[in-house]
Amino acid sequence: MPDEIPRSRCKELDAADPLAGLRDRFVIADDDLVYLDGNSLGRLPAATPEHLARLVRSGWGEQLVRGWPTWIEWSRRIGDRLAAHALGARPGEVAVSDSTSVNLYKLAVAALDAAGDRRTVLVDGGDFPTDRYILQGLAQARGLTLRVLPSDLDQGLDPAVLRAALDDDVALVVLSAVSYRSGALLDLAAVNDAARRVGAYVLWDLSHAAGSVPVELTATGADLAVGCTYKYLNGGPGAPAFLYVRRELQSRLRQPIQGWFGQRDQFRMGADYDPAPDLDRFQVGTPPVLGMAALDPALDVLAEAGIQRVREKGVQLTELLVTLADAWLAEYGFTVASPRDPARRGSHVSLHHPEALRISRALAEQGRVVGDYRTPDRLRLGPAPLYTRFVDVWDAMDRLRDIAERRSYERLPREAPRVT
């Protein structure tokens, strides 16, 4: 089959790419390895190792505890940077804190406590499992009704399904802005408006959106949000998460884990808990200083790129991936398992194939392309606009075509080996 898009065209796109120079701001240890899993773990910014080394040597090593007056403000300071460059929020609305799961629990409880007699929680049945697990636990402990909304595996939640489920008994709606499996992108403004009409809170999981698509929490009228920083935000393995609480809600909501970092005038060491009047009340304990520090050099790169340009390139990269999948892979049993309209898709694309698990492993082991697999039979490919080139996408799809044509994945066992 002739190449509908020659590799030379991709090299031209890379030469004209306004973000091309930012690839040099990341550690690329193996230029032949195509990395399309930035939606699971972002690459290491080149400035991060020395930045952390300075903190360890000069901050921890020399300043010792004298560094705390600076470090203690980092949760809010870095949160404000996230708000400005990734989340479209106002200063004082975002804090770096805990893990995504812990933050989701905190904000879900706060919203449920503020919802009065309402007894129903809505969640997308296709959302990331931990979100459902947390809500299942809360529903069981509180005697609530958890309604799991059916959603299409590839197209995501139909807004009409959500609207039909909203009534005056719904206390909380928990949704992902971008589906972790298919990349389906929801309209935040439309969902927020629909929920507000019935008096329900919306809690967004932004883990696959932050740093890849413009979120605009303030402009869309969002109430609450959480998300991780180790995917498109490149904060590193296990990097601390973030939470967002709209300014107008901060004094009305009270989160359940009453730690000393959420206490008003915390260093008075008062006998009883009195929550801070602002965003600080959603913090718990001593912040992970070294983990937070890695976010600064990563956000420097994102700030230089600008989230709008990141989004524009993300659309181009995923459009290229979809075009090549249609042209090269359909005859081998692949279908695109993500929304085809780029306005309804984040920055990753899923491909359906009955042998997706073995193909994913063959792609990494034989093709030197790192993507990932998601149940039941999806190959997920996530080009990250800050460092993925157009030629990387072309090479990845060419290597995938070769594996499919030769059926070399059949050499691998059907079940993935257990990790011990």
Protein backbone atom coordinates (compact mmCIF):
# COMPACT_ATOMS: atom_id res chain seq x y z
CA MET A 1 0.00 0.00 0.00
CA PRO A 2 1.47 3.40 -0.89
CA ASP A 3 2.19 5.79 1.96
CA GLU A 4 -0.65 8.32 2.11
CA ILE A 5 1.61 10.48 4.29
CA PRO A 6 5.31 10.00 3.52
CA ARG A 7 7.85 10.17 6.33
CA SER A 8 9.41 13.20 4.63
CA ARG A 9 6.16 15.11 5.19
CA CYS A 10 6.42 14.41 8.92
CA LYS A 11 9.98 15.71 8.95
CA GLU A 12 8.67 18.89 7.33
CA LEU A 13 6.02 19.22 10.03
CA ASP A 14 8.69 18.82 12.70
CA ALA A 15 10.84 21.50 11.06
CA ALA A 16 7.89 23.92 11.12
CA ASP A 17 6.72 22.97 14.63
CA PRO A 18 6.91 26.00 16.99
CA LEU A 19 7.32 23.60 19.94
CA ALA A 20 10.05 21.49 18.33
CA GLY A 21 12.86 23.05 20.38
CA LEU A 22 11.23 22.01 23.63
CA ARG A 23 12.14 18.37 22.99
CA ASP A 24 15.70 19.31 23.94
CA ARG A 25 14.39 20.32 27.36
CA PHE A 26 13.76 16.66 28.19
CA VAL A 27 16.04 13.69 28.77
CA ILE A 28 15.96 11.51 25.64
CA ALA A 29 18.22 8.63 26.62
CA ASP A 30 17.50 6.54 23.51
CA ASP A 31 16.55 8.42 20.36
CA ASP A 32 15.50 5.23 18.56
CA LEU A 33 12.93 4.37 21.23
CA VAL A 34 9.54 5.89 20.39
CA TYR A 35 7.80 6.86 23.62
CA LEU A 36 4.01 7.11 23.31
CA ASP A 37 3.10 6.62 26.95
CA GLY A 38 3.38 10.16 28.24
CA ASN A 39 -0.24 9.87 29.33
CA SER A 40 0.97 7.32 31.91
CA LEU A 41 4.33 8.83 32.89
CA GLY A 42 5.83 11.93 31.34
CA ARG A 43 9.47 12.22 30.37
CA LEU A 44 12.07 13.67 32.72
CA PRO A 45 12.69 17.40 32.15
CA ALA A 46 16.41 17.93 31.65
CA ALA A 47 16.53 20.63 34.33
CA THR A 48 14.93 18.49 37.02
CA PRO A 49 17.94 16.44 38.24
CA GLU A 50 20.10 19.47 38.98
CA HIS A 51 17.13 21.37 40.40
CA LEU A 52 16.46 18.56 42.87
CA ALA A 53 20.17 18.11 43.59
CA ARG A 54 20.44 21.79 44.56
CA LEU A 55 17.49 21.47 46.89
CA VAL A 56 18.96 18.37 48.50
CA ARG A 57 22.47 19.82 48.84
CA SER A 58 21.72 23.45 49.66
CA GLY A 59 18.21 23.29 51.05
CA TRP A 60 18.18 20.11 53.05
CA GLY A 61 21.95 19.76 53.47
CA GLU A 62 22.85 23.35 54.40
CA GLN A 63 19.67 25.10 55.45
CA LEU A 64 18.25 22.14 57.35
CA VAL A 65 15.06 23.10 59.14
CA ARG A 66 15.71 26.77 58.35
CA GLY A 67 14.35 26.08 54.87
CA TRP A 68 10.84 25.39 56.12
CA PRO A 69 9.60 29.01 56.01
CA THR A 70 10.06 28.81 52.23
CA TRP A 71 8.98 25.21 51.66
CA ILE A 72 5.81 25.50 53.68
CA GLU A 73 4.30 27.78 51.03
CA TRP A 74 5.12 25.55 48.06
CA SER A 75 1.79 23.74 47.98
CA ARG A 76 0.01 27.01 47.27
CA ARG A 77 2.80 28.59 45.19
CA ILE A 78 3.09 25.65 42.80
CA GLY A 79 -0.69 25.31 42.87
CA ASP A 80 -0.95 28.87 41.57
CA ARG A 81 1.46 27.96 38.75
CA LEU A 82 -0.71 25.00 37.83
CA ALA A 83 -3.77 27.24 37.95
CA ALA A 84 -2.18 29.76 35.59
CA HIS A 85 -0.55 27.47 33.05
CA ALA A 86 -2.63 24.28 33.02
CA LEU A 87 -6.00 24.64 34.71
CA GLY A 88 -7.45 28.04 33.92
CA ALA A 89 -8.10 28.79 37.60
CA ARG A 90 -7.56 31.81 39.82
CA PRO A 91 -4.78 32.27 42.38
CA GLY A 92 -5.66 30.59 45.66
CA GLU A 93 -7.85 27.89 44.08
CA VAL A 94 -5.31 25.10 43.45
CA ALA A 95 -3.07 23.31 45.95
CA VAL A 96 -0.53 20.53 45.45
CA SER A 97 -1.50 17.89 47.96
CA ASP A 98 -1.56 14.15 48.66
CA SER A 99 -2.51 11.68 45.89
CA THR A 100 -5.33 11.96 43.37
CA SER A 101 -7.30 9.28 45.21
CA VAL A 102 -6.93 10.96 48.61
CA ASN A 103 -7.88 14.31 47.15
CA LEU A 104 -10.92 12.82 45.43
CA TYR A 105 -12.01 11.30 48.73
CA LYS A 106 -11.55 14.59 50.58
CA LEU A 107 -13.51 16.67 48.09
CA ALA A 108 -16.23 14.06 47.59
CA VAL A 109 -16.88 13.92 51.34
CA ALA A 110 -16.86 17.71 51.58
CA ALA A 111 -19.42 17.98 48.79
CA LEU A 112 -21.65 15.24 50.21
CA ASP A 113 -21.65 16.86 53.63
CA ALA A 114 -22.69 20.16 52.07
CA ALA A 115 -25.45 18.60 49.97
CA GLY A 116 -27.98 18.25 52.77
CA ASP A 117 -30.57 15.51 52.35
CA ARG A 118 -29.63 14.55 48.81
CA ARG A 119 -28.80 10.85 48.59
CA THR A 120 -27.61 10.11 45.02
CA VAL A 121 -24.14 10.15 43.50
CA LEU A 122 -23.53 9.79 39.76
CA VAL A 123 -20.38 8.32 38.23
CA ASP A 124 -19.37 7.28 34.72
CA GLY A 125 -19.21 3.48 34.50
CA GLY A 126 -16.18 3.78 32.21
CA ASP A 127 -14.13 6.00 34.50
CA PHE A 128 -10.82 5.07 36.07
CA PRO A 129 -11.50 2.32 38.64
CA THR A 130 -10.17 4.09 41.74
CA ASP A 131 -12.77 6.84 41.34
CA ARG A 132 -15.57 4.28 41.38
CA TYR A 133 -14.02 2.35 44.26
CA ILE A 134 -13.87 5.45 46.45
CA LEU A 135 -17.46 6.34 45.67
CA GLN A 136 -18.59 2.77 46.28
CA GLY A 137 -17.05 2.94 49.74
CA LEU A 138 -18.65 6.28 50.53
CA ALA A 139 -22.05 5.13 49.29
CA GLN A 140 -21.89 1.97 51.39
CA ALA A 141 -20.74 3.80 54.53
CA ARG A 142 -23.38 6.52 54.22
CA GLY A 143 -26.30 4.59 52.79
CA LEU A 144 -26.26 6.56 49.55
CA THR A 145 -27.40 5.53 46.09
CA LEU A 146 -24.51 5.27 43.66
CA ARG A 147 -25.77 5.37 40.09
CA VAL A 148 -23.21 4.11 37.60
CA LEU A 149 -24.02 5.70 34.25
CA PRO A 150 -23.54 3.56 31.15
CA SER A 151 -21.04 4.96 28.68
CA ASP A 152 -19.68 3.84 25.36
CA LEU A 153 -16.28 2.17 25.60
CA ASP A 154 -14.91 4.31 22.77
CA GLN A 155 -17.09 7.43 22.64
CA GLY A 156 -17.41 7.99 26.37
CA LEU A 157 -20.40 9.28 28.30
CA ASP A 158 -23.31 10.60 26.27
CA PRO A 159 -24.30 14.01 27.74
CA ALA A 160 -27.94 13.08 27.20
CA VAL A 161 -27.53 10.10 29.55
CA LEU A 162 -26.13 12.39 32.21
CA ARG A 163 -28.88 14.99 31.79
CA ALA A 164 -31.54 12.30 32.10
CA ALA A 165 -30.00 11.11 35.38
CA LEU A 166 -29.84 14.54 37.00
CA ASP A 167 -32.64 15.33 39.44
CA ASP A 168 -33.08 17.08 42.78
CA ASP A 169 -31.79 14.07 44.74
CA VAL A 170 -28.34 14.13 43.09
CA ALA A 171 -25.73 15.44 45.49
CA LEU A 172 -22.57 14.86 43.51
CA VAL A 173 -21.42 14.03 39.98
CA VAL A 174 -17.91 12.62 39.55
CA LEU A 175 -16.49 12.49 36.01
CA SER A 176 -13.18 12.44 34.18
CA ALA A 177 -12.64 15.28 31.73
CA VAL A 178 -10.72 12.89 29.44
CA SER A 179 -11.45 9.17 29.48
CA TYR A 180 -8.41 7.18 30.54
CA ARG A 181 -9.18 4.41 28.06
CA SER A 182 -10.39 6.09 24.86
CA GLY A 183 -9.40 9.72 25.30
CA ALA A 184 -13.03 10.86 24.95
CA LEU A 185 -13.27 14.50 26.04
CA LEU A 186 -16.29 15.88 27.88
CA ASP A 187 -17.62 19.43 27.63
CA LEU A 188 -16.89 20.80 31.11
CA ALA A 189 -19.05 23.88 30.72
CA ALA A 190 -22.11 21.90 29.57
CA VAL A 191 -21.80 19.37 32.39
CA ASN A 192 -21.26 22.05 35.03
CA ASP A 193 -24.28 23.98 33.80
CA ALA A 194 -26.53 20.91 33.74
CA ALA A 195 -25.55 19.93 37.28
CA ARG A 196 -25.91 23.46 38.59
CA ARG A 197 -29.49 23.59 37.31
CA VAL A 198 -30.45 20.81 39.74
CA GLY A 199 -28.20 22.00 42.56
CA ALA A 200 -25.61 19.22 42.36
CA TYR A 201 -21.86 19.54 42.77
CA VAL A 202 -19.47 18.29 40.07
CA LEU A 203 -16.07 16.85 40.97
CA TRP A 204 -13.74 16.49 37.97
CA ASP A 205 -10.82 14.10 37.62
CA LEU A 206 -8.36 15.94 35.36
CA SER A 207 -5.59 13.34 35.37
CA HIS A 208 -5.62 12.80 31.58
CA ALA A 209 -6.48 16.41 30.77
CA ALA A 210 -4.10 18.60 32.78
CA GLY A 211 -1.19 19.66 30.62
CA SER A 212 -2.67 18.32 27.38
CA VAL A 213 -5.93 20.21 26.83
CA PRO A 214 -7.06 23.67 28.01
CA VAL A 215 -9.28 22.98 31.01
CA GLU A 216 -10.50 26.50 31.98
CA LEU A 217 -11.98 25.69 35.39
CA THR A 218 -13.01 29.27 36.14
CA ALA A 219 -14.55 29.98 32.75
CA THR A 220 -16.56 26.74 32.77
CA GLY A 221 -17.89 27.33 36.28
CA ALA A 222 -16.28 24.25 37.82
CA ASP A 223 -16.84 23.50 41.51
CA LEU A 224 -14.19 20.93 42.39
CA ALA A 225 -11.37 19.04 40.66
CA VAL A 226 -8.44 16.75 41.32
CA GLY A 227 -5.67 15.34 39.18
CA CYS A 228 -2.18 13.90 39.04
CA THR A 229 1.00 15.63 37.94
CA TYR A 230 3.10 12.75 36.59
CA LYS A 231 1.46 12.37 33.16
CA TYR A 232 1.44 15.35 30.80
CA LEU A 233 2.71 17.62 33.60
CA ASN A 234 5.97 15.61 33.83
CA GLY A 235 6.28 15.77 37.62
CA GLY A 236 7.89 12.32 37.94
CA PRO A 237 6.88 8.90 39.31
CA GLY A 238 4.50 9.26 42.25
CA ALA A 239 4.54 13.04 42.07
CA PRO A 240 2.02 14.69 44.40
CA ALA A 241 -1.42 15.43 43.03
CA PHE A 242 -3.43 18.64 43.02
CA LEU A 243 -6.88 19.72 44.10
CA TYR A 244 -9.04 22.63 43.02
CA VAL A 245 -11.86 24.27 44.99
CA ARG A 246 -13.72 27.23 43.54
CA ARG A 247 -13.04 30.27 45.71
CA GLU A 248 -16.70 30.85 46.51
CA LEU A 249 -17.02 27.35 47.98
CA GLN A 250 -13.90 27.26 50.12
CA SER A 251 -15.34 28.60 53.35
CA ARG A 252 -18.51 26.48 53.02
CA LEU A 253 -16.93 23.08 52.50
CA ARG A 254 -15.16 21.08 55.17
CA GLN A 255 -13.00 18.12 54.27
CA PRO A 256 -12.85 15.03 56.50
CA ILE A 257 -9.12 14.58 57.21
CA GLN A 258 -8.50 17.22 59.83
CA GLY A 259 -4.74 17.60 59.74
CA TRP A 260 -2.60 20.39 61.13
CA PHE A 261 -1.86 21.91 57.71
CA GLY A 262 -5.57 22.60 57.33
CA GLN A 263 -5.76 24.31 60.73
CA ARG A 264 -6.22 28.05 61.12
CA ASP A 265 -2.99 29.52 62.52
CA GLN A 266 -1.43 26.07 62.58
CA PHE A 267 1.66 26.93 64.62
CA ARG A 268 -0.36 27.95 67.63
CA MET A 269 -0.87 24.20 68.07
CA GLY A 270 -4.42 24.74 69.31
CA ALA A 271 -6.22 21.99 71.21
CA ASP A 272 -9.19 21.83 68.83
CA TYR A 273 -9.47 21.79 65.05
CA ASP A 274 -10.52 25.08 63.49
CA PRO A 275 -10.23 24.92 59.70
CA ALA A 276 -8.45 27.65 57.79
CA PRO A 277 -10.86 30.01 56.04
CA ASP A 278 -9.51 29.42 52.54
CA LEU A 279 -7.96 26.72 50.35
CA ASP A 280 -5.56 25.71 53.11
CA ARG A 281 -8.39 23.86 54.87
CA PHE A 282 -8.16 21.18 52.17
CA GLN A 283 -4.59 20.31 53.09
CA VAL A 284 -3.77 17.66 55.66
CA GLY A 285 -0.16 17.11 56.68
CA THR A 286 3.40 18.14 55.93
CA PRO A 287 3.80 18.51 52.16
CA PRO A 288 6.20 16.27 50.17
CA VAL A 289 8.79 18.95 49.48
CA LEU A 290 11.10 16.93 47.21
CA GLY A 291 8.16 15.64 45.19
CA MET A 292 6.70 19.11 44.75
CA ALA A 293 10.06 20.56 43.77
CA ALA A 294 10.19 18.50 40.59
CA LEU A 295 7.11 20.33 39.31
CA ASP A 296 8.85 23.67 38.98
CA PRO A 297 11.16 22.84 36.03
CA ALA A 298 8.36 20.87 34.40
CA LEU A 299 6.01 23.85 34.63
CA ASP A 300 8.71 26.11 33.23
CA VAL A 301 8.52 24.15 29.97
CA LEU A 302 4.72 24.13 29.90
CA ALA A 303 4.60 27.86 30.58
CA GLU A 304 6.99 28.51 27.70
CA ALA A 305 4.92 26.35 25.34
CA GLY A 306 1.50 27.68 26.33
CA ILE A 307 -1.40 25.28 26.76
CA GLN A 308 -3.14 26.47 23.59
CA ARG A 309 -0.12 25.60 21.44
CA VAL A 310 0.18 22.28 23.27
CA ARG A 311 -3.42 21.53 22.39
CA GLU A 312 -2.97 22.52 18.74
CA LYS A 313 -0.03 20.18 18.36
CA GLY A 314 -1.82 17.43 20.30
CA VAL A 315 -4.67 17.56 17.80
CA GLN A 316 -2.23 17.38 14.88
CA LEU A 317 -0.36 14.42 16.37
CA THR A 318 -3.48 12.41 17.11
CA GLU A 319 -5.00 13.25 13.71
CA LEU A 320 -1.83 11.88 12.11
CA LEU A 321 -2.09 8.74 14.22
CA VAL A 322 -5.73 8.19 13.26
CA THR A 323 -5.01 8.80 9.56
CA LEU A 324 -2.17 6.28 9.53
CA ALA A 325 -4.22 3.74 11.49
CA ASP A 326 -6.98 3.92 8.89
CA ALA A 327 -4.57 3.71 5.97
CA TRP A 328 -2.17 1.06 7.25
CA LEU A 329 -3.84 -1.04 9.92
CA ALA A 330 -7.50 -1.59 8.99
CA GLU A 331 -6.66 -4.59 6.82
CA TYR A 332 -5.02 -6.26 9.84
CA GLY A 333 -8.10 -5.98 12.03
CA PHE A 334 -7.46 -2.66 13.79
CA THR A 335 -10.15 -0.04 14.34
CA VAL A 336 -9.90 3.39 15.91
CA ALA A 337 -11.42 3.16 19.41
CA SER A 338 -11.47 6.88 20.22
CA PRO A 339 -13.71 9.72 19.07
CA ARG A 340 -12.78 10.73 15.53
CA ASP A 341 -13.75 14.36 16.06
CA PRO A 342 -10.59 15.93 17.54
CA ALA A 343 -12.76 18.38 19.49
CA ARG A 344 -14.09 15.37 21.43
CA ARG A 345 -10.71 13.74 21.98
CA GLY A 346 -7.83 14.42 24.36
CA SER A 347 -4.20 13.75 23.45
CA HIS A 348 -4.22 9.98 23.23
CA VAL A 349 -5.77 7.49 20.84
CA SER A 350 -6.87 3.91 21.47
CA LEU A 351 -6.88 1.22 18.81
CA HIS A 352 -9.06 -1.88 19.08
CA HIS A 353 -7.69 -5.29 18.16
CA PRO A 354 -8.57 -8.71 19.63
CA GLU A 355 -4.85 -9.30 20.23
CA ALA A 356 -4.14 -5.88 21.70
CA LEU A 357 -2.33 -7.25 24.74
CA ARG A 358 0.18 -9.30 22.78
CA ILE A 359 0.53 -6.57 20.17
CA SER A 360 1.29 -4.00 22.88
CA ARG A 361 4.04 -6.22 24.25
CA ALA A 362 5.41 -7.00 20.80
CA LEU A 363 5.44 -3.31 19.94
CA ALA A 364 7.62 -2.59 22.96
CA GLU A 365 9.88 -5.65 22.70
CA GLN A 366 10.21 -5.99 18.92
CA GLY A 367 9.32 -2.54 17.64
CA ARG A 368 10.87 -0.41 20.39
CA VAL A 369 7.68 1.61 20.75
CA VAL A 370 6.34 2.17 24.25
CA GLY A 371 2.56 2.51 24.40
CA ASP A 372 0.29 0.60 26.72
CA TYR A 373 -2.65 -1.78 26.93
CA ARG A 374 -6.06 -1.24 28.49
CA THR A 375 -8.77 -3.79 28.99
CA PRO A 376 -10.57 -5.37 27.32
CA ASP A 377 -8.62 -5.18 24.03
CA ARG A 378 -7.29 -1.68 23.50
CA LEU A 379 -3.83 -0.48 22.48
CA ARG A 380 -3.41 3.03 23.85
CA LEU A 381 -0.96 5.46 22.23
CA GLY A 382 -0.29 8.84 23.81
CA PRO A 383 1.92 11.31 21.94
CA ALA A 384 2.88 14.11 24.34
CA PRO A 385 3.11 17.41 22.43
CA LEU A 386 6.01 18.86 24.43
CA TYR A 387 8.47 16.21 23.24
CA THR A 388 6.82 13.88 20.70
CA ARG A 389 7.72 14.55 17.06
CA PHE A 390 5.52 13.92 14.05
CA VAL A 391 8.14 11.54 12.74
CA ASP A 392 7.87 9.61 16.03
CA VAL A 393 4.20 8.95 15.35
CA TRP A 394 4.99 7.90 11.76
CA ASP A 395 7.74 5.53 12.90
CA ALA A 396 5.56 4.04 15.62
CA MET A 397 2.72 3.31 13.22
CA ASP A 398 5.14 1.92 10.63
CA ARG A 399 6.64 -0.46 13.20
CA LEU A 400 3.14 -1.44 14.35
CA ARG A 401 2.17 -2.15 10.74
CA ASP A 402 5.21 -4.40 10.36
CA ILE A 403 4.32 -6.38 13.50
CA ALA A 404 0.73 -6.74 12.31
CA GLU A 405 1.73 -7.77 8.80
CA ARG A 406 4.22 -10.39 10.00
CA ARG A 407 1.97 -11.41 12.92
CA SER A 408 5.10 -11.49 15.02
CA TYR A 409 3.05 -10.91 18.17
CA GLU A 410 1.96 -14.55 17.87
CA ARG A 411 5.38 -15.57 19.20
CA LEU A 412 4.37 -14.20 22.59
CA PRO A 413 2.22 -16.12 25.11
CA ARG A 414 -1.42 -15.09 25.25
CA GLU A 415 -1.25 -14.21 28.92
CA ALA A 416 1.18 -11.61 30.20
CA PRO A 417 3.75 -13.11 32.56
CA ARG A 418 3.21 -12.43 36.23
CA VAL A 419 5.47 -9.87 37.84
CA THR A 420 7.10 -11.26 40.96
